[in-house]
């Protein structure tokens, strides 16, 4: 098992759209690229923390090649 840990500070007015985008992208990787899922948490410090699971680091690298343009990615970058 290979896990990737993420951390973000999200503008309060964008939190809901961030959560929805994270869920959509996670589903995409599970259904199309062999991802094993992810979990998103809000810390007591106000930051969002997440981890994504893959069978191996190589699987994640392969999954991120030629990724289609997804509007959810732009939403998360905001």
PDB file of N, CA and C in Angstrom:
ATOM      1  N   UNK A   1       0.851  -1.179   0.000  1.00  0.00           N
ATOM      2  CA  UNK A   1       0.000   0.000   0.000  1.00  0.00           C
ATOM      3  C   UNK A   1       0.889   1.232   0.000  1.00  0.00           C
ATOM      4  N   UNK A   2       0.503   2.219  -0.823  1.00  0.00           N
ATOM      5  CA  UNK A   2       1.203   3.493  -0.914  1.00  0.00           C
ATOM      6  C   UNK A   2       0.186   4.592  -0.626  1.00  0.00           C
ATOM      7  N   UNK A   3       0.518   5.499   0.271  1.00  0.00           N
ATOM      8  CA  UNK A   3      -0.395   6.592   0.622  1.00  0.00           C
ATOM      9  C   UNK A   3       0.278   7.938   0.376  1.00  0.00           C
ATOM     10  N   UNK A   4      -0.535   8.884  -0.043  1.00  0.00           N
ATOM     11  CA  UNK A   4      -0.087  10.258  -0.247  1.00  0.00           C
ATOM     12  C   UNK A   4      -0.882  11.135   0.699  1.00  0.00           C
ATOM     13  N   UNK A   5      -0.185  12.013   1.395  1.00  0.00           N
ATOM     14  CA  UNK A   5      -0.844  12.902   2.356  1.00  0.00           C
ATOM     15  C   UNK A   5      -0.855  14.317   1.794  1.00  0.00           C
ATOM     16  N   UNK A   6      -2.001  14.980   1.918  1.00  0.00           N
ATOM     17  CA  UNK A   6      -2.188  16.339   1.435  1.00  0.00           C
ATOM     18  C   UNK A   6      -2.630  17.235   2.588  1.00  0.00           C
ATOM     19  N   UNK A   7      -2.354  18.545   2.446  1.00  0.00           N
ATOM     20  CA  UNK A   7      -2.784  19.517   3.456  1.00  0.00           C
ATOM     21  C   UNK A   7      -3.104  20.823   2.752  1.00  0.00           C
ATOM     22  N   UNK A   8      -4.239  21.434   3.123  1.00  0.00           N
ATOM     23  CA  UNK A   8      -4.662  22.694   2.504  1.00  0.00           C
ATOM     24  C   UNK A   8      -5.259  23.640   3.529  1.00  0.00           C
ATOM     25  N   UNK A   9      -5.118  24.930   3.230  1.00  0.00           N
ATOM     26  CA  UNK A   9      -5.879  25.970   3.935  1.00  0.00           C
ATOM     27  C   UNK A   9      -6.897  26.466   2.909  1.00  0.00           C
ATOM     28  N   UNK A  10      -8.168  26.307   3.197  1.00  0.00           N
ATOM     29  CA  UNK A  10      -9.242  26.613   2.256  1.00  0.00           C
ATOM     30  C   UNK A  10      -9.991  27.865   2.723  1.00  0.00           C
ATOM     31  N   UNK A  11     -10.282  28.750   1.772  1.00  0.00           N
ATOM     32  CA  UNK A  11     -11.097  29.913   2.099  1.00  0.00           C
ATOM     33  C   UNK A  11     -12.468  29.422   2.556  1.00  0.00           C
ATOM     34  N   UNK A  12     -12.989  29.949   3.656  1.00  0.00           N
ATOM     35  CA  UNK A  12     -14.267  29.457   4.194  1.00  0.00           C
ATOM     36  C   UNK A  12     -15.393  29.412   3.164  1.00  0.00           C
ATOM     37  N   UNK A  13     -15.472  30.401   2.297  1.00  0.00           N
ATOM     38  CA  UNK A  13     -16.569  30.433   1.328  1.00  0.00           C
ATOM     39  C   UNK A  13     -16.402  29.384   0.217  1.00  0.00           C
ATOM     40  N   UNK A  14     -15.240  28.744   0.134  1.00  0.00           N
ATOM     41  CA  UNK A  14     -14.997  27.729  -0.897  1.00  0.00           C
ATOM     42  C   UNK A  14     -14.929  26.301  -0.349  1.00  0.00           C
ATOM     43  N   UNK A  15     -15.145  26.144   0.952  1.00  0.00           N
ATOM     44  CA  UNK A  15     -14.990  24.826   1.563  1.00  0.00           C
ATOM     45  C   UNK A  15     -15.916  23.774   0.951  1.00  0.00           C
ATOM     46  N   UNK A  16     -17.183  24.094   0.779  1.00  0.00           N
ATOM     47  CA  UNK A  16     -18.126  23.099   0.273  1.00  0.00           C
ATOM     48  C   UNK A  16     -17.775  22.665  -1.153  1.00  0.00           C
ATOM     49  N   UNK A  17     -17.427  23.627  -2.004  1.00  0.00           N
ATOM     50  CA  UNK A  17     -17.072  23.262  -3.378  1.00  0.00           C
ATOM     51  C   UNK A  17     -15.766  22.473  -3.401  1.00  0.00           C
ATOM     52  N   UNK A  18     -14.855  22.755  -2.482  1.00  0.00           N
ATOM     53  CA  UNK A  18     -13.615  21.981  -2.383  1.00  0.00           C
ATOM     54  C   UNK A  18     -13.923  20.533  -2.009  1.00  0.00           C
ATOM     55  N   UNK A  19     -14.768  20.340  -1.014  1.00  0.00           N
ATOM     56  CA  UNK A  19     -15.144  18.996  -0.558  1.00  0.00           C
ATOM     57  C   UNK A  19     -15.802  18.218  -1.697  1.00  0.00           C
ATOM     58  N   UNK A  20     -16.707  18.845  -2.408  1.00  0.00           N
ATOM     59  CA  UNK A  20     -17.388  18.179  -3.519  1.00  0.00           C
ATOM     60  C   UNK A  20     -16.409  17.833  -4.638  1.00  0.00           C
ATOM     61  N   UNK A  21     -15.483  18.728  -4.930  1.00  0.00           N
ATOM     62  CA  UNK A  21     -14.490  18.473  -5.970  1.00  0.00           C
ATOM     63  C   UNK A  21     -13.563  17.334  -5.571  1.00  0.00           C
ATOM     64  N   UNK A  22     -13.163  17.317  -4.310  1.00  0.00           N
ATOM     65  CA  UNK A  22     -12.306  16.223  -3.824  1.00  0.00           C
ATOM     66  C   UNK A  22     -13.010  14.881  -4.020  1.00  0.00           C
ATOM     67  N   UNK A  23     -14.280  14.811  -3.683  1.00  0.00           N
ATOM     68  CA  UNK A  23     -15.040  13.561  -3.826  1.00  0.00           C
ATOM     69  C   UNK A  23     -15.144  13.146  -5.291  1.00  0.00           C
ATOM     70  N   UNK A  24     -15.397  14.088  -6.179  1.00  0.00           N
ATOM     71  CA  UNK A  24     -15.506  13.784  -7.614  1.00  0.00           C
ATOM     72  C   UNK A  24     -14.187  13.264  -8.166  1.00  0.00           C
ATOM     73  N   UNK A  25     -13.107  13.918  -7.823  1.00  0.00           N
ATOM     74  CA  UNK A  25     -11.798  13.485  -8.313  1.00  0.00           C
ATOM     75  C   UNK A  25     -11.430  12.123  -7.748  1.00  0.00           C
ATOM     76  N   UNK A  26     -11.735  11.897  -6.478  1.00  0.00           N
ATOM     77  CA  UNK A  26     -11.466  10.584  -5.887  1.00  0.00           C
ATOM     78  C   UNK A  26     -12.227   9.495  -6.629  1.00  0.00           C
ATOM     79  N   UNK A  27     -13.517   9.724  -6.927  1.00  0.00           N
ATOM     80  CA  UNK A  27     -14.303   8.736  -7.679  1.00  0.00           C
ATOM     81  C   UNK A  27     -13.690   8.462  -9.040  1.00  0.00           C
ATOM     82  N   UNK A  28     -13.224   9.531  -9.712  1.00  0.00           N
ATOM     83  CA  UNK A  28     -12.593   9.365 -11.018  1.00  0.00           C
ATOM     84  C   UNK A  28     -11.407   8.402 -10.920  1.00  0.00           C
ATOM     85  N   UNK A  29     -10.541   8.603  -9.931  1.00  0.00           N
ATOM     86  CA  UNK A  29      -9.356   7.754  -9.810  1.00  0.00           C
ATOM     87  C   UNK A  29      -9.704   6.325  -9.404  1.00  0.00           C
ATOM     88  N   UNK A  30     -10.726   6.150  -8.616  1.00  0.00           N
ATOM     89  CA  UNK A  30     -11.160   4.797  -8.256  1.00  0.00           C
ATOM     90  C   UNK A  30     -11.728   4.085  -9.482  1.00  0.00           C
ATOM     91  N   UNK A  31     -12.608   4.756 -10.205  1.00  0.00           N
ATOM     92  CA  UNK A  31     -13.326   4.137 -11.325  1.00  0.00           C
ATOM     93  C   UNK A  31     -12.483   3.992 -12.587  1.00  0.00           C
ATOM     94  N   UNK A  32     -11.477   4.858 -12.768  1.00  0.00           N
ATOM     95  CA  UNK A  32     -10.755   4.887 -14.045  1.00  0.00           C
ATOM     96  C   UNK A  32      -9.249   4.647 -13.965  1.00  0.00           C
ATOM     97  N   UNK A  33      -8.675   4.795 -12.790  1.00  0.00           N
ATOM     98  CA  UNK A  33      -7.213   4.764 -12.723  1.00  0.00           C
ATOM     99  C   UNK A  33      -6.645   3.862 -11.632  1.00  0.00           C
ATOM    100  N   UNK A  34      -7.467   3.031 -11.028  1.00  0.00           N
ATOM    101  CA  UNK A  34      -6.956   2.071 -10.051  1.00  0.00           C
ATOM    102  C   UNK A  34      -6.690   2.617  -8.662  1.00  0.00           C
ATOM    103  N   UNK A  35      -7.224   3.791  -8.355  1.00  0.00           N
ATOM    104  CA  UNK A  35      -7.062   4.329  -7.008  1.00  0.00           C
ATOM    105  C   UNK A  35      -7.803   3.476  -5.988  1.00  0.00           C
ATOM    106  N   UNK A  36      -7.332   3.512  -4.758  1.00  0.00           N
ATOM    107  CA  UNK A  36      -7.964   2.730  -3.687  1.00  0.00           C
ATOM    108  C   UNK A  36      -8.762   3.594  -2.728  1.00  0.00           C
ATOM    109  N   UNK A  37      -9.001   4.849  -3.114  1.00  0.00           N
ATOM    110  CA  UNK A  37      -9.827   5.717  -2.281  1.00  0.00           C
ATOM    111  C   UNK A  37      -9.020   6.753  -1.530  1.00  0.00           C
ATOM    112  N   UNK A  38      -9.736   7.608  -0.830  1.00  0.00           N
ATOM    113  CA  UNK A  38      -9.104   8.661  -0.043  1.00  0.00           C
ATOM    114  C   UNK A  38     -10.024   9.053   1.096  1.00  0.00           C
ATOM    115  N   UNK A  39      -9.476   9.792   2.021  1.00  0.00           N
ATOM    116  CA  UNK A  39     -10.241  10.327   3.150  1.00  0.00           C
ATOM    117  C   UNK A  39      -9.868  11.791   3.296  1.00  0.00           C
ATOM    118  N   UNK A  40     -10.861  12.623   3.544  1.00  0.00           N
ATOM    119  CA  UNK A  40     -10.648  14.054   3.726  1.00  0.00           C
ATOM    120  C   UNK A  40     -11.125  14.430   5.122  1.00  0.00           C
ATOM    121  N   UNK A  41     -10.295  15.164   5.849  1.00  0.00           N
ATOM    122  CA  UNK A  41     -10.604  15.546   7.233  1.00  0.00           C
ATOM    123  C   UNK A  41     -10.328  17.029   7.439  1.00  0.00           C
ATOM    124  N   UNK A  42     -11.083  17.620   8.339  1.00  0.00           N
ATOM    125  CA  UNK A  42     -10.798  18.996   8.761  1.00  0.00           C
ATOM    126  C   UNK A  42     -10.147  18.900  10.136  1.00  0.00           C
ATOM    127  N   UNK A  43      -8.969  19.502  10.263  1.00  0.00           N
ATOM    128  CA  UNK A  43      -8.261  19.473  11.534  1.00  0.00           C
ATOM    129  C   UNK A  43      -8.764  20.540  12.482  1.00  0.00           C
ATOM    130  N   UNK A  44      -8.448  20.371  13.751  1.00  0.00           N
ATOM    131  CA  UNK A  44      -8.825  21.364  14.757  1.00  0.00           C
ATOM    132  C   UNK A  44      -8.134  22.700  14.499  1.00  0.00           C
ATOM    133  N   UNK A  45      -7.062  22.666  13.694  1.00  0.00           N
ATOM    134  CA  UNK A  45      -6.330  23.883  13.356  1.00  0.00           C
ATOM    135  C   UNK A  45      -6.944  24.633  12.171  1.00  0.00           C
ATOM    136  N   UNK A  46      -8.083  24.110  11.633  1.00  0.00           N
ATOM    137  CA  UNK A  46      -8.765  24.756  10.524  1.00  0.00           C
ATOM    138  C   UNK A  46      -8.274  24.314   9.157  1.00  0.00           C
ATOM    139  N   UNK A  47      -7.196  23.557   9.108  1.00  0.00           N
ATOM    140  CA  UNK A  47      -6.686  23.047   7.839  1.00  0.00           C
ATOM    141  C   UNK A  47      -7.436  21.780   7.442  1.00  0.00           C
ATOM    142  N   UNK A  48      -7.418  21.503   6.139  1.00  0.00           N
ATOM    143  CA  UNK A  48      -7.956  20.238   5.644  1.00  0.00           C
ATOM    144  C   UNK A  48      -6.788  19.297   5.409  1.00  0.00           C
ATOM    145  N   UNK A  49      -6.971  18.043   5.809  1.00  0.00           N
ATOM    146  CA  UNK A  49      -5.964  17.006   5.624  1.00  0.00           C
ATOM    147  C   UNK A  49      -6.614  15.857   4.871  1.00  0.00           C
ATOM    148  N   UNK A  50      -5.844  15.237   4.008  1.00  0.00           N
ATOM    149  CA  UNK A  50      -6.378  14.094   3.270  1.00  0.00           C
ATOM    150  C   UNK A  50      -5.264  13.102   3.019  1.00  0.00           C
ATOM    151  N   UNK A  51      -5.663  11.868   2.796  1.00  0.00           N
ATOM    152  CA  UNK A  51      -4.714  10.877   2.304  1.00  0.00           C
ATOM    153  C   UNK A  51      -5.404  10.069   1.225  1.00  0.00           C
ATOM    154  N   UNK A  52      -4.639   9.752   0.212  1.00  0.00           N
ATOM    155  CA  UNK A  52      -5.121   8.947  -0.903  1.00  0.00           C
ATOM    156  C   UNK A  52      -4.326   7.650  -0.916  1.00  0.00           C
ATOM    157  N   UNK A  53      -5.005   6.547  -1.210  1.00  0.00           N
ATOM    158  CA  UNK A  53      -4.373   5.228  -1.168  1.00  0.00           C
ATOM    159  C   UNK A  53      -4.221   4.651  -2.575  1.00  0.00           C
ATOM    160  N   UNK A  54      -3.081   4.019  -2.797  1.00  0.00           N
ATOM    161  CA  UNK A  54      -2.760   3.346  -4.051  1.00  0.00           C
ATOM    162  C   UNK A  54      -2.109   2.016  -3.715  1.00  0.00           C
ATOM    163  N   UNK A  55      -2.175   1.067  -4.602  1.00  0.00           N
ATOM    164  CA  UNK A  55      -1.508  -0.214  -4.367  1.00  0.00           C
ATOM    165  C   UNK A  55       0.008  -0.045  -4.326  1.00  0.00           C
ATOM    166  N   UNK A  56       0.538   0.845  -5.160  1.00  0.00           N
ATOM    167  CA  UNK A  56       1.977   1.092  -5.206  1.00  0.00           C
ATOM    168  C   UNK A  56       2.226   2.495  -5.750  1.00  0.00           C
ATOM    169  N   UNK A  57       3.393   3.055  -5.466  1.00  0.00           N
ATOM    170  CA  UNK A  57       3.752   4.382  -5.966  1.00  0.00           C
ATOM    171  C   UNK A  57       3.697   4.422  -7.483  1.00  0.00           C
ATOM    172  N   UNK A  58       4.094   3.345  -8.119  1.00  0.00           N
ATOM    173  CA  UNK A  58       4.081   3.290  -9.584  1.00  0.00           C
ATOM    174  C   UNK A  58       2.663   3.406 -10.133  1.00  0.00           C
ATOM    175  N   UNK A  59       1.694   2.841  -9.414  1.00  0.00           N
ATOM    176  CA  UNK A  59       0.291   2.934  -9.841  1.00  0.00           C
ATOM    177  C   UNK A  59      -0.176   4.383  -9.820  1.00  0.00           C
ATOM    178  N   UNK A  60       0.215   5.120  -8.795  1.00  0.00           N
ATOM    179  CA  UNK A  60      -0.160   6.538  -8.717  1.00  0.00           C
ATOM    180  C   UNK A  60       0.493   7.330  -9.848  1.00  0.00           C
ATOM    181  N   UNK A  61       1.767   7.104 -10.067  1.00  0.00           N
ATOM    182  CA  UNK A  61       2.463   7.809 -11.147  1.00  0.00           C
ATOM    183  C   UNK A  61       1.789   7.547 -12.492  1.00  0.00           C
ATOM    184  N   UNK A  62       1.450   6.308 -12.763  1.00  0.00           N
ATOM    185  CA  UNK A  62       0.791   5.947 -14.017  1.00  0.00           C
ATOM    186  C   UNK A  62      -0.592   6.598 -14.112  1.00  0.00           C
ATOM    187  N   UNK A  63      -1.317   6.638 -12.998  1.00  0.00           N
ATOM    188  CA  UNK A  63      -2.671   7.197 -12.978  1.00  0.00           C
ATOM    189  C   UNK A  63      -2.686   8.683 -13.303  1.00  0.00           C
ATOM    190  N   UNK A  64      -1.612   9.387 -12.978  1.00  0.00           N
ATOM    191  CA  UNK A  64      -1.567  10.825 -13.194  1.00  0.00           C
ATOM    192  C   UNK A  64      -1.052  11.206 -14.580  1.00  0.00           C
ATOM    193  N   UNK A  65      -0.750  10.232 -15.405  1.00  0.00           N
ATOM    194  CA  UNK A  65      -0.334  10.510 -16.777  1.00  0.00           C
ATOM    195  C   UNK A  65      -1.581  10.729 -17.630  1.00  0.00           C
ATOM    196  N   UNK A  66      -1.543  11.734 -18.462  1.00  0.00           N
ATOM    197  CA  UNK A  66      -2.639  12.022 -19.397  1.00  0.00           C
ATOM    198  C   UNK A  66      -3.999  12.147 -18.707  1.00  0.00           C
ATOM    199  N   UNK A  67      -4.038  12.883 -17.628  1.00  0.00           N
ATOM    200  CA  UNK A  67      -5.288  13.098 -16.893  1.00  0.00           C
ATOM    201  C   UNK A  67      -6.136  14.102 -17.667  1.00  0.00           C
ATOM    202  N   UNK A  68      -7.411  13.803 -17.870  1.00  0.00           N
ATOM    203  CA  UNK A  68      -8.268  14.752 -18.581  1.00  0.00           C
ATOM    204  C   UNK A  68      -8.443  16.043 -17.781  1.00  0.00           C
ATOM    205  N   UNK A  69      -8.715  17.117 -18.500  1.00  0.00           N
ATOM    206  CA  UNK A  69      -8.990  18.395 -17.855  1.00  0.00           C
ATOM    207  C   UNK A  69     -10.320  18.283 -17.119  1.00  0.00           C
ATOM    208  N   UNK A  70     -10.288  18.452 -15.818  1.00  0.00           N
ATOM    209  CA  UNK A  70     -11.494  18.331 -15.002  1.00  0.00           C
ATOM    210  C   UNK A  70     -11.754  19.680 -14.327  1.00  0.00           C
ATOM    211  N   UNK A  71     -12.964  20.218 -14.436  1.00  0.00           N
ATOM    212  CA  UNK A  71     -13.250  21.515 -13.808  1.00  0.00           C
ATOM    213  C   UNK A  71     -13.039  21.492 -12.297  1.00  0.00           C
ATOM    214  N   UNK A  72     -13.161  20.322 -11.687  1.00  0.00           N
ATOM    215  CA  UNK A  72     -12.970  20.209 -10.243  1.00  0.00           C
ATOM    216  C   UNK A  72     -11.539  20.556  -9.829  1.00  0.00           C
ATOM    217  N   UNK A  73     -10.587  20.312 -10.700  1.00  0.00           N
ATOM    218  CA  UNK A  73      -9.194  20.662 -10.387  1.00  0.00           C
ATOM    219  C   UNK A  73      -9.045  22.176 -10.262  1.00  0.00           C
ATOM    220  N   UNK A  74      -9.676  22.911 -11.164  1.00  0.00           N
ATOM    221  CA  UNK A  74      -9.622  24.376 -11.095  1.00  0.00           C
ATOM    222  C   UNK A  74     -10.304  24.863  -9.819  1.00  0.00           C
ATOM    223  N   UNK A  75     -11.411  24.239  -9.455  1.00  0.00           N
ATOM    224  CA  UNK A  75     -12.130  24.607  -8.233  1.00  0.00           C
ATOM    225  C   UNK A  75     -11.226  24.422  -7.031  1.00  0.00           C
ATOM    226  N   UNK A  76     -10.512  23.316  -6.990  1.00  0.00           N
ATOM    227  CA  UNK A  76      -9.637  23.048  -5.844  1.00  0.00           C
ATOM    228  C   UNK A  76      -8.456  24.029  -5.805  1.00  0.00           C
ATOM    229  N   UNK A  77      -7.969  24.462  -6.952  1.00  0.00           N
ATOM    230  CA  UNK A  77      -6.840  25.405  -6.970  1.00  0.00           C
ATOM    231  C   UNK A  77      -7.239  26.781  -6.446  1.00  0.00           C
ATOM    232  N   UNK A  78      -8.520  27.136  -6.603  1.00  0.00           N
ATOM    233  CA  UNK A  78      -8.996  28.430  -6.090  1.00  0.00           C
ATOM    234  C   UNK A  78      -8.753  28.521  -4.609  1.00  0.00           C
TER     235      UNK A  78
END
